[in-house]
Amino acid sequence: MFLPNFEELVIGTVIASIIAFLINLFLMPSFIKFLKLKGKVVNDNHKPNKPKVPRPGGPILLLSIVIGELILYFVTGNLEIISILLTTTIAFIIGIIDDFRIMPGWFKPGALILASIPLIIFHIYDNELNVIFGSVFIPILYIPLILISIPLAGNTVNSIDVFNGVATGFMIITMFPIIISTFLFGDLEILMIEIPFLAALLGFYMFHKYPSKIFPGDSGTLLMGAMYGALAIASKSEIIAIIALLPAIMNSFLFLSSVRKIVEHRELKSRPTILNEDFTLQASKDKNAPITLVRLILLDGKLSEREIVMKIYKLATFSSSLALITILLQFIISSG
């Protein structure tokens, strides 16, 4: 097999990243018009007059990731790229089904187990779990962990997609600890896979940021979460990823513990927040309303959508900082 040198890897990564970014930049405006013509729009309920926003943006995001990563595959011949792309694509397919059909609450977490299979077949994982102060050899337990991790990552990102730009912005922020961890402790070729993914997210964020011109839909959020989880596994950064995702994980845990079953948000009878006439939001006082991260944020008083988005970004930055501190501790311990 052809083994590229470092310079070829860097050039391939730069080209793949630029193309992944530009695909979003140039194709998304036309795709937005296409979705509007087809009537694939939803109300942006937190704004005056509830403007219609196209949904889903997942197809263009997937296209940008696939093309960027395939460029790297032709440079490196690394089958781990194919494995991660298969996982991401399966997650996208599950999401696109949910975008266009009303599926039961169990569908996404249950079906995402299928997205874990390529990671197992291509054996992109180590039998050792990096636990910061060393590693634990768990060859039997690691496969069940993968089967749990991808559904968890996909649904965690999906659950945080509540306001303009949140899911994409959250992913961009939390990718930095993964990239740094991979640079210090992982494989160079896995690092090269992560950069085009980040570039694709940045390109998509240009249209998803507040005020959103397009929503990612379940197809977009599930593929983001699944690829994030796959990259964490491939780079041996599982614990780092969990720390970085803590606000989103907490959101999912709070929701499930208060609702006590897996349900879609559209099935809820009581909403966790109340939209005021001035389009600020406040926490619901209904005891039956689910507890969510946003509801906790609003306990101090009402906020605008933009203010809530910025608070969530700050939480993502804080948790990512904790992940970076953990990486530093790991580096000091491994160097000693």
C-alpha atoms as a PDB file:
ATOM      1  CA  MET A   1       0.000   0.000   0.000  1.00  0.00           C
ATOM      2  CA  PHE A   2       1.210   3.513  -0.843  1.00  0.00           C
ATOM      3  CA  LEU A   3       2.286   5.364   2.293  1.00  0.00           C
ATOM      4  CA  PRO A   4       2.240   9.153   1.912  1.00  0.00           C
ATOM      5  CA  ASN A   5       4.900  11.259   3.580  1.00  0.00           C
ATOM      6  CA  PHE A   6       4.109  13.996   6.095  1.00  0.00           C
ATOM      7  CA  GLU A   7       4.092  16.763   3.481  1.00  0.00           C
ATOM      8  CA  GLU A   8       1.593  14.880   1.303  1.00  0.00           C
ATOM      9  CA  LEU A   9      -0.631  14.284   4.334  1.00  0.00           C
ATOM     10  CA  VAL A  10      -0.642  17.976   5.215  1.00  0.00           C
ATOM     11  CA  ILE A  11      -1.346  19.078   1.638  1.00  0.00           C
ATOM     12  CA  GLY A  12      -4.141  16.492   1.316  1.00  0.00           C
ATOM     13  CA  THR A  13      -5.685  17.623   4.604  1.00  0.00           C
ATOM     14  CA  VAL A  14      -5.576  21.298   3.619  1.00  0.00           C
ATOM     15  CA  ILE A  15      -7.187  20.602   0.237  1.00  0.00           C
ATOM     16  CA  ALA A  16      -9.838  18.333   1.779  1.00  0.00           C
ATOM     17  CA  SER A  17     -10.652  20.924   4.445  1.00  0.00           C
ATOM     18  CA  ILE A  18     -10.939  23.817   2.004  1.00  0.00           C
ATOM     19  CA  ILE A  19     -13.233  21.799  -0.259  1.00  0.00           C
ATOM     20  CA  ALA A  20     -15.384  20.640   2.674  1.00  0.00           C
ATOM     21  CA  PHE A  21     -15.802  24.269   3.763  1.00  0.00           C
ATOM     22  CA  LEU A  22     -16.475  25.601   0.251  1.00  0.00           C
ATOM     23  CA  ILE A  23     -19.089  22.963  -0.584  1.00  0.00           C
ATOM     24  CA  ASN A  24     -21.228  24.335   2.224  1.00  0.00           C
ATOM     25  CA  LEU A  25     -20.475  27.921   1.266  1.00  0.00           C
ATOM     26  CA  PHE A  26     -21.383  27.564  -2.418  1.00  0.00           C
ATOM     27  CA  LEU A  27     -24.033  24.822  -2.493  1.00  0.00           C
ATOM     28  CA  MET A  28     -26.056  25.763   0.571  1.00  0.00           C
ATOM     29  CA  PRO A  29     -27.700  28.910  -0.905  1.00  0.00           C
ATOM     30  CA  SER A  30     -29.069  26.891  -3.843  1.00  0.00           C
ATOM     31  CA  PHE A  31     -30.144  24.084  -1.517  1.00  0.00           C
ATOM     32  CA  ILE A  32     -31.970  26.586   0.683  1.00  0.00           C
ATOM     33  CA  LYS A  33     -33.909  27.820  -2.378  1.00  0.00           C
ATOM     34  CA  PHE A  34     -34.647  24.210  -3.382  1.00  0.00           C
ATOM     35  CA  LEU A  35     -36.067  23.367   0.048  1.00  0.00           C
ATOM     36  CA  LYS A  36     -38.224  26.497   0.001  1.00  0.00           C
ATOM     37  CA  LEU A  37     -39.616  25.601  -3.437  1.00  0.00           C
ATOM     38  CA  LYS A  38     -40.445  22.093  -2.170  1.00  0.00           C
ATOM     39  CA  GLY A  39     -42.102  23.514   0.936  1.00  0.00           C
ATOM     40  CA  LYS A  40     -39.605  21.839   3.253  1.00  0.00           C
ATOM     41  CA  VAL A  41     -39.723  24.597   5.835  1.00  0.00           C
ATOM     42  CA  VAL A  42     -40.592  24.867   9.520  1.00  0.00           C
ATOM     43  CA  ASN A  43     -41.521  27.802  11.738  1.00  0.00           C
ATOM     44  CA  ASP A  44     -38.786  29.539  13.705  1.00  0.00           C
ATOM     45  CA  ASN A  45     -41.068  29.894  16.713  1.00  0.00           C
ATOM     46  CA  HIS A  46     -38.807  32.114  18.807  1.00  0.00           C
ATOM     47  CA  LYS A  47     -38.936  35.084  16.433  1.00  0.00           C
ATOM     48  CA  PRO A  48     -41.603  37.638  15.496  1.00  0.00           C
ATOM     49  CA  ASN A  49     -43.982  36.426  12.772  1.00  0.00           C
ATOM     50  CA  LYS A  50     -42.460  32.926  13.054  1.00  0.00           C
ATOM     51  CA  PRO A  51     -40.419  33.041   9.828  1.00  0.00           C
ATOM     52  CA  LYS A  52     -40.215  29.908   7.704  1.00  0.00           C
ATOM     53  CA  VAL A  53     -36.760  28.305   7.782  1.00  0.00           C
ATOM     54  CA  PRO A  54     -35.733  25.483   5.381  1.00  0.00           C
ATOM     55  CA  ARG A  55     -35.010  22.084   6.908  1.00  0.00           C
ATOM     56  CA  PRO A  56     -33.059  19.767   6.751  1.00  0.00           C
ATOM     57  CA  GLY A  57     -29.560  20.976   5.902  1.00  0.00           C
ATOM     58  CA  GLY A  58     -28.072  17.564   6.642  1.00  0.00           C
ATOM     59  CA  PRO A  59     -27.661  16.486   2.981  1.00  0.00           C
ATOM     60  CA  ILE A  60     -25.223  19.298   2.087  1.00  0.00           C
ATOM     61  CA  LEU A  61     -23.324  18.864   5.356  1.00  0.00           C
ATOM     62  CA  LEU A  62     -22.956  15.140   4.643  1.00  0.00           C
ATOM     63  CA  LEU A  63     -21.871  15.823   1.053  1.00  0.00           C
ATOM     64  CA  SER A  64     -19.154  18.210   2.235  1.00  0.00           C
ATOM     65  CA  ILE A  65     -17.858  15.713   4.795  1.00  0.00           C
ATOM     66  CA  VAL A  66     -17.919  12.753   2.400  1.00  0.00           C
ATOM     67  CA  ILE A  67     -16.094  14.564  -0.416  1.00  0.00           C
ATOM     68  CA  GLY A  68     -13.511  16.045   1.951  1.00  0.00           C
ATOM     69  CA  GLU A  69     -12.812  12.731   3.632  1.00  0.00           C
ATOM     70  CA  LEU A  70     -12.704  10.780   0.351  1.00  0.00           C
ATOM     71  CA  ILE A  71      -9.971  13.130  -0.860  1.00  0.00           C
ATOM     72  CA  LEU A  72      -7.997  12.103   2.222  1.00  0.00           C
ATOM     73  CA  TYR A  73      -8.777   8.444   1.591  1.00  0.00           C
ATOM     74  CA  PHE A  74      -7.276   8.655  -1.914  1.00  0.00           C
ATOM     75  CA  VAL A  75      -4.183  10.283  -0.390  1.00  0.00           C
ATOM     76  CA  THR A  76      -3.733   7.840   2.496  1.00  0.00           C
ATOM     77  CA  GLY A  77      -5.654   4.663   1.608  1.00  0.00           C
ATOM     78  CA  ASN A  78      -6.674   4.571   5.264  1.00  0.00           C
ATOM     79  CA  LEU A  79      -9.719   2.298   5.691  1.00  0.00           C
ATOM     80  CA  GLU A  80     -10.577   3.997   8.977  1.00  0.00           C
ATOM     81  CA  ILE A  81     -11.862   6.904   6.859  1.00  0.00           C
ATOM     82  CA  ILE A  82     -14.328   4.569   5.121  1.00  0.00           C
ATOM     83  CA  SER A  83     -15.419   3.148   8.465  1.00  0.00           C
ATOM     84  CA  ILE A  84     -16.097   6.585   9.950  1.00  0.00           C
ATOM     85  CA  LEU A  85     -17.877   7.730   6.782  1.00  0.00           C
ATOM     86  CA  LEU A  86     -20.122   4.646   6.865  1.00  0.00           C
ATOM     87  CA  THR A  87     -21.018   5.356  10.491  1.00  0.00           C
ATOM     88  CA  THR A  88     -21.739   8.996   9.653  1.00  0.00           C
ATOM     89  CA  THR A  89     -23.814   8.093   6.582  1.00  0.00           C
ATOM     90  CA  ILE A  90     -25.924   5.520   8.427  1.00  0.00           C
ATOM     91  CA  ALA A  91     -26.616   8.112  11.140  1.00  0.00           C
ATOM     92  CA  PHE A  92     -27.616  10.574   8.414  1.00  0.00           C
ATOM     93  CA  ILE A  93     -30.019   8.060   6.840  1.00  0.00           C
ATOM     94  CA  ILE A  94     -31.643   7.425  10.226  1.00  0.00           C
ATOM     95  CA  GLY A  95     -31.978  11.168  10.714  1.00  0.00           C
ATOM     96  CA  ILE A  96     -33.428  11.849   7.260  1.00  0.00           C
ATOM     97  CA  ILE A  97     -36.083   9.207   7.852  1.00  0.00           C
ATOM     98  CA  ASP A  98     -37.018  10.990  11.072  1.00  0.00           C
ATOM     99  CA  ASP A  99     -36.976  14.353   9.261  1.00  0.00           C
ATOM    100  CA  PHE A 100     -39.707  13.290   6.844  1.00  0.00           C
ATOM    101  CA  ARG A 101     -41.675  10.741   8.860  1.00  0.00           C
ATOM    102  CA  ILE A 102     -42.962  10.874  12.426  1.00  0.00           C
ATOM    103  CA  MET A 103     -41.127   8.037  14.139  1.00  0.00           C
ATOM    104  CA  PRO A 104     -41.525   6.785  17.725  1.00  0.00           C
ATOM    105  CA  GLY A 105     -39.139   8.014  20.427  1.00  0.00           C
ATOM    106  CA  TRP A 106     -37.124   4.775  20.483  1.00  0.00           C
ATOM    107  CA  PHE A 107     -36.338   4.922  16.757  1.00  0.00           C
ATOM    108  CA  LYS A 108     -33.257   7.169  16.768  1.00  0.00           C
ATOM    109  CA  PRO A 109     -31.393   5.649  19.739  1.00  0.00           C
ATOM    110  CA  GLY A 110     -32.329   2.126  18.657  1.00  0.00           C
ATOM    111  CA  ALA A 111     -31.472   2.550  14.985  1.00  0.00           C
ATOM    112  CA  LEU A 112     -28.178   4.321  15.737  1.00  0.00           C
ATOM    113  CA  ILE A 113     -26.822   1.025  17.043  1.00  0.00           C
ATOM    114  CA  LEU A 114     -26.547   0.113  13.349  1.00  0.00           C
ATOM    115  CA  ALA A 115     -24.268   3.109  12.811  1.00  0.00           C
ATOM    116  CA  SER A 116     -21.823   1.591  15.315  1.00  0.00           C
ATOM    117  CA  ILE A 117     -21.333  -1.591  13.283  1.00  0.00           C
ATOM    118  CA  PRO A 118     -18.774  -0.259  10.720  1.00  0.00           C
ATOM    119  CA  LEU A 119     -16.482   0.831  13.565  1.00  0.00           C
ATOM    120  CA  ILE A 120     -16.523  -2.720  14.901  1.00  0.00           C
ATOM    121  CA  ILE A 121     -16.149  -4.418  11.507  1.00  0.00           C
ATOM    122  CA  PHE A 122     -13.163  -2.243  10.532  1.00  0.00           C
ATOM    123  CA  HIS A 123     -11.795  -2.487  14.091  1.00  0.00           C
ATOM    124  CA  ILE A 124     -10.895   1.189  14.358  1.00  0.00           C
ATOM    125  CA  TYR A 125     -10.784   0.939  18.141  1.00  0.00           C
ATOM    126  CA  ASP A 126      -8.098  -0.169  20.576  1.00  0.00           C
ATOM    127  CA  ASN A 127      -8.856  -2.809  23.171  1.00  0.00           C
ATOM    128  CA  GLU A 128      -7.561  -0.338  25.736  1.00  0.00           C
ATOM    129  CA  LEU A 129      -9.660   2.491  27.168  1.00  0.00           C
ATOM    130  CA  ASN A 130      -7.625   5.602  27.915  1.00  0.00           C
ATOM    131  CA  VAL A 131      -8.559   6.682  31.444  1.00  0.00           C
ATOM    132  CA  ILE A 132      -6.128   9.624  31.715  1.00  0.00           C
ATOM    133  CA  PHE A 133      -3.966   8.114  34.478  1.00  0.00           C
ATOM    134  CA  GLY A 134      -3.272   5.066  32.386  1.00  0.00           C
ATOM    135  CA  SER A 135      -5.239   2.627  30.258  1.00  0.00           C
ATOM    136  CA  VAL A 136      -7.558  -0.279  30.959  1.00  0.00           C
ATOM    137  CA  PHE A 137      -7.455  -3.412  28.791  1.00  0.00           C
ATOM    138  CA  ILE A 138     -11.125  -4.283  28.095  1.00  0.00           C
ATOM    139  CA  PRO A 139     -11.302  -6.311  24.846  1.00  0.00           C
ATOM    140  CA  ILE A 140     -14.675  -7.860  25.731  1.00  0.00           C
ATOM    141  CA  LEU A 141     -16.322  -4.708  27.071  1.00  0.00           C
ATOM    142  CA  TYR A 142     -15.163  -2.346  24.345  1.00  0.00           C
ATOM    143  CA  ILE A 143     -17.600  -3.553  21.674  1.00  0.00           C
ATOM    144  CA  PRO A 144     -20.670  -2.968  23.903  1.00  0.00           C
ATOM    145  CA  LEU A 145     -19.217   0.458  24.720  1.00  0.00           C
ATOM    146  CA  ILE A 146     -19.112   1.305  21.000  1.00  0.00           C
ATOM    147  CA  LEU A 147     -22.701   0.110  20.548  1.00  0.00           C
ATOM    148  CA  ILE A 148     -23.701   2.500  23.334  1.00  0.00           C
ATOM    149  CA  SER A 149     -21.397   5.404  22.459  1.00  0.00           C
ATOM    150  CA  ILE A 150     -22.623   6.194  18.941  1.00  0.00           C
ATOM    151  CA  PRO A 151     -26.352   6.308  19.873  1.00  0.00           C
ATOM    152  CA  LEU A 152     -25.420   8.346  22.948  1.00  0.00           C
ATOM    153  CA  ALA A 153     -23.329  10.850  20.978  1.00  0.00           C
ATOM    154  CA  GLY A 154     -25.902  11.161  18.188  1.00  0.00           C
ATOM    155  CA  ASN A 155     -28.864  11.713  20.474  1.00  0.00           C
ATOM    156  CA  THR A 156     -26.919  14.007  22.802  1.00  0.00           C
ATOM    157  CA  VAL A 157     -26.123  16.401  19.939  1.00  0.00           C
ATOM    158  CA  ASN A 158     -29.675  16.041  18.643  1.00  0.00           C
ATOM    159  CA  SER A 159     -31.109  17.008  22.035  1.00  0.00           C
ATOM    160  CA  ILE A 160     -29.024  20.203  22.246  1.00  0.00           C
ATOM    161  CA  ASP A 161     -30.340  21.434  18.862  1.00  0.00           C
ATOM    162  CA  VAL A 162     -32.956  23.751  20.371  1.00  0.00           C
ATOM    163  CA  PHE A 163     -31.997  27.225  19.103  1.00  0.00           C
ATOM    164  CA  ASN A 164     -30.351  28.827  16.094  1.00  0.00           C
ATOM    165  CA  GLY A 165     -26.777  27.605  15.638  1.00  0.00           C
ATOM    166  CA  VAL A 166     -26.505  25.764  18.947  1.00  0.00           C
ATOM    167  CA  ALA A 167     -25.793  22.228  17.713  1.00  0.00           C
ATOM    168  CA  THR A 168     -23.204  23.282  15.123  1.00  0.00           C
ATOM    169  CA  GLY A 169     -21.545  25.867  17.352  1.00  0.00           C
ATOM    170  CA  PHE A 170     -21.427  23.400  20.231  1.00  0.00           C
ATOM    171  CA  MET A 171     -19.766  20.803  18.012  1.00  0.00           C
ATOM    172  CA  ILE A 172     -17.180  23.287  16.714  1.00  0.00           C
ATOM    173  CA  ILE A 173     -16.176  24.284  20.251  1.00  0.00           C
ATOM    174  CA  THR A 174     -15.974  20.707  21.542  1.00  0.00           C
ATOM    175  CA  MET A 175     -13.937  19.500  18.564  1.00  0.00           C
ATOM    176  CA  PHE A 176     -10.855  21.425  19.708  1.00  0.00           C
ATOM    177  CA  PRO A 177     -10.117  19.198  22.750  1.00  0.00           C
ATOM    178  CA  ILE A 178     -10.468  16.125  20.506  1.00  0.00           C
ATOM    179  CA  ILE A 179      -8.047  17.573  17.963  1.00  0.00           C
ATOM    180  CA  ILE A 180      -5.479  18.511  20.625  1.00  0.00           C
ATOM    181  CA  SER A 181      -5.814  15.116  22.320  1.00  0.00           C
ATOM    182  CA  THR A 182      -5.309  13.366  18.983  1.00  0.00           C
ATOM    183  CA  PHE A 183      -2.280  15.540  18.210  1.00  0.00           C
ATOM    184  CA  LEU A 184      -0.633  14.621  21.521  1.00  0.00           C
ATOM    185  CA  PHE A 185      -1.678  11.002  22.006  1.00  0.00           C
ATOM    186  CA  GLY A 186      -3.374   9.713  18.881  1.00  0.00           C
ATOM    187  CA  ASP A 187      -2.605   8.777  15.298  1.00  0.00           C
ATOM    188  CA  LEU A 188      -1.537  11.445  12.784  1.00  0.00           C
ATOM    189  CA  GLU A 189      -3.921  10.086  10.152  1.00  0.00           C
ATOM    190  CA  ILE A 190      -6.882  10.320  12.568  1.00  0.00           C
ATOM    191  CA  LEU A 191      -5.924  13.949  13.208  1.00  0.00           C
ATOM    192  CA  MET A 192      -6.045  14.511   9.459  1.00  0.00           C
ATOM    193  CA  ILE A 193      -9.603  13.069   9.376  1.00  0.00           C
ATOM    194  CA  GLU A 194     -10.764  15.466  12.093  1.00  0.00           C
ATOM    195  CA  ILE A 195      -9.692  18.680  10.326  1.00  0.00           C
ATOM    196  CA  PRO A 196     -12.037  18.396   7.276  1.00  0.00           C
ATOM    197  CA  PHE A 197     -14.904  17.543   9.640  1.00  0.00           C
ATOM    198  CA  LEU A 198     -14.228  20.742  11.573  1.00  0.00           C
ATOM    199  CA  ALA A 199     -14.007  22.687   8.305  1.00  0.00           C
ATOM    200  CA  ALA A 200     -17.365  21.271   7.172  1.00  0.00           C
ATOM    201  CA  LEU A 201     -18.928  22.293  10.489  1.00  0.00           C
ATOM    202  CA  LEU A 202     -17.535  25.816  10.112  1.00  0.00           C
ATOM    203  CA  GLY A 203     -18.973  26.055   6.600  1.00  0.00           C
ATOM    204  CA  PHE A 204     -22.385  24.845   7.756  1.00  0.00           C
ATOM    205  CA  TYR A 205     -22.319  27.194  10.751  1.00  0.00           C
ATOM    206  CA  MET A 206     -22.246  30.175   8.369  1.00  0.00           C
ATOM    207  CA  PHE A 207     -25.875  29.338   7.543  1.00  0.00           C
ATOM    208  CA  HIS A 208     -27.001  27.804  10.828  1.00  0.00           C
ATOM    209  CA  LYS A 209     -25.779  30.585  13.139  1.00  0.00           C
ATOM    210  CA  TYR A 210     -28.239  33.088  14.591  1.00  0.00           C
ATOM    211  CA  PRO A 211     -30.433  34.036  12.767  1.00  0.00           C
ATOM    212  CA  SER A 212     -30.553  30.684  10.984  1.00  0.00           C
ATOM    213  CA  LYS A 213     -31.000  30.504   7.237  1.00  0.00           C
ATOM    214  CA  ILE A 214     -31.353  26.705   7.490  1.00  0.00           C
ATOM    215  CA  PHE A 215     -31.833  24.106  10.227  1.00  0.00           C
ATOM    216  CA  PRO A 216     -29.755  20.897  10.210  1.00  0.00           C
ATOM    217  CA  GLY A 217     -32.692  18.631  11.029  1.00  0.00           C
ATOM    218  CA  ASP A 218     -32.234  15.243  12.647  1.00  0.00           C
ATOM    219  CA  SER A 219     -30.158  14.171   9.638  1.00  0.00           C
ATOM    220  CA  GLY A 220     -27.660  16.932  10.385  1.00  0.00           C
ATOM    221  CA  THR A 221     -27.477  16.587  14.166  1.00  0.00           C
ATOM    222  CA  LEU A 222     -27.288  12.789  14.165  1.00  0.00           C
ATOM    223  CA  LEU A 223     -24.469  12.718  11.626  1.00  0.00           C
ATOM    224  CA  MET A 224     -22.578  15.375  13.637  1.00  0.00           C
ATOM    225  CA  GLY A 225     -22.909  13.388  16.849  1.00  0.00           C
ATOM    226  CA  ALA A 226     -22.124  10.033  15.251  1.00  0.00           C
ATOM    227  CA  MET A 227     -18.981  11.310  13.533  1.00  0.00           C
ATOM    228  CA  TYR A 228     -17.876  13.068  16.711  1.00  0.00           C
ATOM    229  CA  GLY A 229     -18.291   9.803  18.624  1.00  0.00           C
ATOM    230  CA  ALA A 230     -16.469   7.811  15.940  1.00  0.00           C
ATOM    231  CA  LEU A 231     -13.551  10.245  15.941  1.00  0.00           C
ATOM    232  CA  ALA A 232     -13.362  10.110  19.746  1.00  0.00           C
ATOM    233  CA  ILE A 233     -13.108   6.309  19.593  1.00  0.00           C
ATOM    234  CA  ALA A 234     -10.591   6.282  16.730  1.00  0.00           C
ATOM    235  CA  SER A 235      -8.377   8.858  18.457  1.00  0.00           C
ATOM    236  CA  LYS A 236      -8.543   7.175  21.887  1.00  0.00           C
ATOM    237  CA  SER A 237     -10.132  10.355  23.269  1.00  0.00           C
ATOM    238  CA  GLU A 238     -13.341   8.875  24.670  1.00  0.00           C
ATOM    239  CA  ILE A 239     -13.017  10.378  28.153  1.00  0.00           C
ATOM    240  CA  ILE A 240     -11.979  13.750  26.710  1.00  0.00           C
ATOM    241  CA  ALA A 241     -15.081  13.722  24.496  1.00  0.00           C
ATOM    242  CA  ILE A 242     -17.351  12.941  27.452  1.00  0.00           C
ATOM    243  CA  ILE A 243     -15.911  15.849  29.447  1.00  0.00           C
ATOM    244  CA  ALA A 244     -16.262  18.257  26.507  1.00  0.00           C
ATOM    245  CA  LEU A 245     -19.871  17.158  25.908  1.00  0.00           C
ATOM    246  CA  LEU A 246     -20.899  17.430  29.578  1.00  0.00           C
ATOM    247  CA  PRO A 247     -23.485  20.231  29.128  1.00  0.00           C
ATOM    248  CA  ALA A 248     -25.213  18.320  26.329  1.00  0.00           C
ATOM    249  CA  ILE A 249     -24.984  15.031  28.249  1.00  0.00           C
ATOM    250  CA  MET A 250     -26.460  16.764  31.291  1.00  0.00           C
ATOM    251  CA  ASN A 251     -29.288  18.090  29.114  1.00  0.00           C
ATOM    252  CA  SER A 252     -30.133  14.572  27.915  1.00  0.00           C
ATOM    253  CA  PHE A 253     -29.887  13.123  31.426  1.00  0.00           C
ATOM    254  CA  LEU A 254     -32.119  15.819  32.929  1.00  0.00           C
ATOM    255  CA  PHE A 255     -34.699  15.368  30.196  1.00  0.00           C
ATOM    256  CA  LEU A 256     -34.814  11.569  30.478  1.00  0.00           C
ATOM    257  CA  SER A 257     -34.840  11.571  34.280  1.00  0.00           C
ATOM    258  CA  SER A 258     -37.761  14.013  34.386  1.00  0.00           C
ATOM    259  CA  VAL A 259     -39.802  12.444  31.557  1.00  0.00           C
ATOM    260  CA  ARG A 260     -38.795   8.886  32.578  1.00  0.00           C
ATOM    261  CA  LYS A 261     -39.133   7.497  29.063  1.00  0.00           C
ATOM    262  CA  ILE A 262     -37.727   8.030  25.585  1.00  0.00           C
ATOM    263  CA  VAL A 263     -40.046  10.440  23.758  1.00  0.00           C
ATOM    264  CA  GLU A 264     -39.816  12.948  20.947  1.00  0.00           C
ATOM    265  CA  HIS A 265     -39.976  16.605  21.973  1.00  0.00           C
ATOM    266  CA  ARG A 266     -43.052  17.063  19.782  1.00  0.00           C
ATOM    267  CA  GLU A 267     -44.880  14.488  21.925  1.00  0.00           C
ATOM    268  CA  LEU A 268     -44.520  16.542  25.116  1.00  0.00           C
ATOM    269  CA  LYS A 269     -47.712  17.942  26.600  1.00  0.00           C
ATOM    270  CA  SER A 270     -45.871  20.484  28.788  1.00  0.00           C
ATOM    271  CA  ARG A 271     -43.033  22.606  27.457  1.00  0.00           C
ATOM    272  CA  PRO A 272     -39.947  23.354  29.592  1.00  0.00           C
ATOM    273  CA  THR A 273     -39.970  27.030  28.579  1.00  0.00           C
ATOM    274  CA  ILE A 274     -42.549  29.748  27.958  1.00  0.00           C
ATOM    275  CA  LEU A 275     -42.308  32.227  25.083  1.00  0.00           C
ATOM    276  CA  ASN A 276     -43.307  35.730  26.173  1.00  0.00           C
ATOM    277  CA  GLU A 277     -44.959  38.406  24.039  1.00  0.00           C
ATOM    278  CA  ASP A 278     -41.632  40.232  23.715  1.00  0.00           C
ATOM    279  CA  PHE A 279     -40.101  36.978  22.409  1.00  0.00           C
ATOM    280  CA  THR A 280     -37.990  36.403  25.487  1.00  0.00           C
ATOM    281  CA  LEU A 281     -38.168  32.996  27.131  1.00  0.00           C
ATOM    282  CA  GLN A 282     -38.665  32.036  30.735  1.00  0.00           C
ATOM    283  CA  ALA A 283     -38.635  28.753  32.649  1.00  0.00           C
ATOM    284  CA  SER A 284     -41.962  26.964  32.909  1.00  0.00           C
ATOM    285  CA  LYS A 285     -43.451  26.681  36.397  1.00  0.00           C
ATOM    286  CA  ASP A 286     -45.425  23.586  35.402  1.00  0.00           C
ATOM    287  CA  LYS A 287     -44.339  20.674  37.621  1.00  0.00           C
ATOM    288  CA  ASN A 288     -45.028  18.272  34.759  1.00  0.00           C
ATOM    289  CA  ALA A 289     -42.737  20.113  32.346  1.00  0.00           C
ATOM    290  CA  PRO A 290     -39.446  18.306  31.628  1.00  0.00           C
ATOM    291  CA  ILE A 291     -36.221  19.607  33.128  1.00  0.00           C
ATOM    292  CA  THR A 292     -33.722  20.690  30.498  1.00  0.00           C
ATOM    293  CA  LEU A 293     -30.483  22.629  30.353  1.00  0.00           C
ATOM    294  CA  VAL A 294     -32.309  25.659  28.917  1.00  0.00           C
ATOM    295  CA  ARG A 295     -34.913  25.550  31.676  1.00  0.00           C
ATOM    296  CA  LEU A 296     -32.110  25.629  34.257  1.00  0.00           C
ATOM    297  CA  ILE A 297     -30.417  28.525  32.444  1.00  0.00           C
ATOM    298  CA  LEU A 298     -33.687  30.484  32.626  1.00  0.00           C
ATOM    299  CA  LEU A 299     -34.156  30.013  36.376  1.00  0.00           C
ATOM    300  CA  ASP A 300     -32.397  33.356  36.971  1.00  0.00           C
ATOM    301  CA  GLY A 301     -34.858  35.187  34.740  1.00  0.00           C
ATOM    302  CA  LYS A 302     -36.072  35.574  31.191  1.00  0.00           C
ATOM    303  CA  LEU A 303     -33.598  35.796  28.297  1.00  0.00           C
ATOM    304  CA  SER A 304     -33.718  36.298  24.550  1.00  0.00           C
ATOM    305  CA  GLU A 305     -32.893  33.451  22.195  1.00  0.00           C
ATOM    306  CA  ARG A 306     -29.541  35.028  21.305  1.00  0.00           C
ATOM    307  CA  GLU A 307     -28.637  35.352  25.015  1.00  0.00           C
ATOM    308  CA  ILE A 308     -29.499  31.696  25.641  1.00  0.00           C
ATOM    309  CA  VAL A 309     -27.382  30.626  22.658  1.00  0.00           C
ATOM    310  CA  MET A 310     -24.397  32.558  24.010  1.00  0.00           C
ATOM    311  CA  LYS A 311     -24.817  30.991  27.466  1.00  0.00           C
ATOM    312  CA  ILE A 312     -24.813  27.507  25.919  1.00  0.00           C
ATOM    313  CA  TYR A 313     -21.644  28.396  23.979  1.00  0.00           C
ATOM    314  CA  LYS A 314     -20.046  29.564  27.231  1.00  0.00           C
ATOM    315  CA  LEU A 315     -20.956  26.248  28.868  1.00  0.00           C
ATOM    316  CA  ALA A 316     -19.416  24.387  25.910  1.00  0.00           C
ATOM    317  CA  THR A 317     -16.281  26.516  26.233  1.00  0.00           C
ATOM    318  CA  PHE A 318     -16.098  25.798  29.963  1.00  0.00           C
ATOM    319  CA  SER A 319     -16.498  22.031  29.540  1.00  0.00           C
ATOM    320  CA  SER A 320     -13.976  22.046  26.682  1.00  0.00           C
ATOM    321  CA  SER A 321     -11.567  23.929  28.964  1.00  0.00           C
ATOM    322  CA  LEU A 322     -11.992  21.170  31.539  1.00  0.00           C
ATOM    323  CA  ALA A 323     -11.223  18.662  28.793  1.00  0.00           C
ATOM    324  CA  LEU A 324      -8.069  20.613  27.893  1.00  0.00           C
ATOM    325  CA  ILE A 325      -6.969  20.623  31.556  1.00  0.00           C
ATOM    326  CA  THR A 326      -7.510  16.859  31.576  1.00  0.00           C
ATOM    327  CA  ILE A 327      -5.348  16.539  28.451  1.00  0.00           C
ATOM    328  CA  LEU A 328      -2.623  18.575  30.164  1.00  0.00           C
ATOM    329  CA  LEU A 329      -2.724  16.281  33.204  1.00  0.00           C
ATOM    330  CA  GLN A 330      -2.542  13.273  30.931  1.00  0.00           C
ATOM    331  CA  PHE A 331       0.452  14.741  29.109  1.00  0.00           C
ATOM    332  CA  ILE A 332       2.285  15.489  32.369  1.00  0.00           C
ATOM    333  CA  ILE A 333       1.611  11.987  33.717  1.00  0.00           C
ATOM    334  CA  SER A 334       2.632  10.239  30.471  1.00  0.00           C
ATOM    335  CA  SER A 335       5.795  12.360  30.236  1.00  0.00           C
ATOM    336  CA  GLY A 336       6.741  11.512  33.799  1.00  0.00           C
END
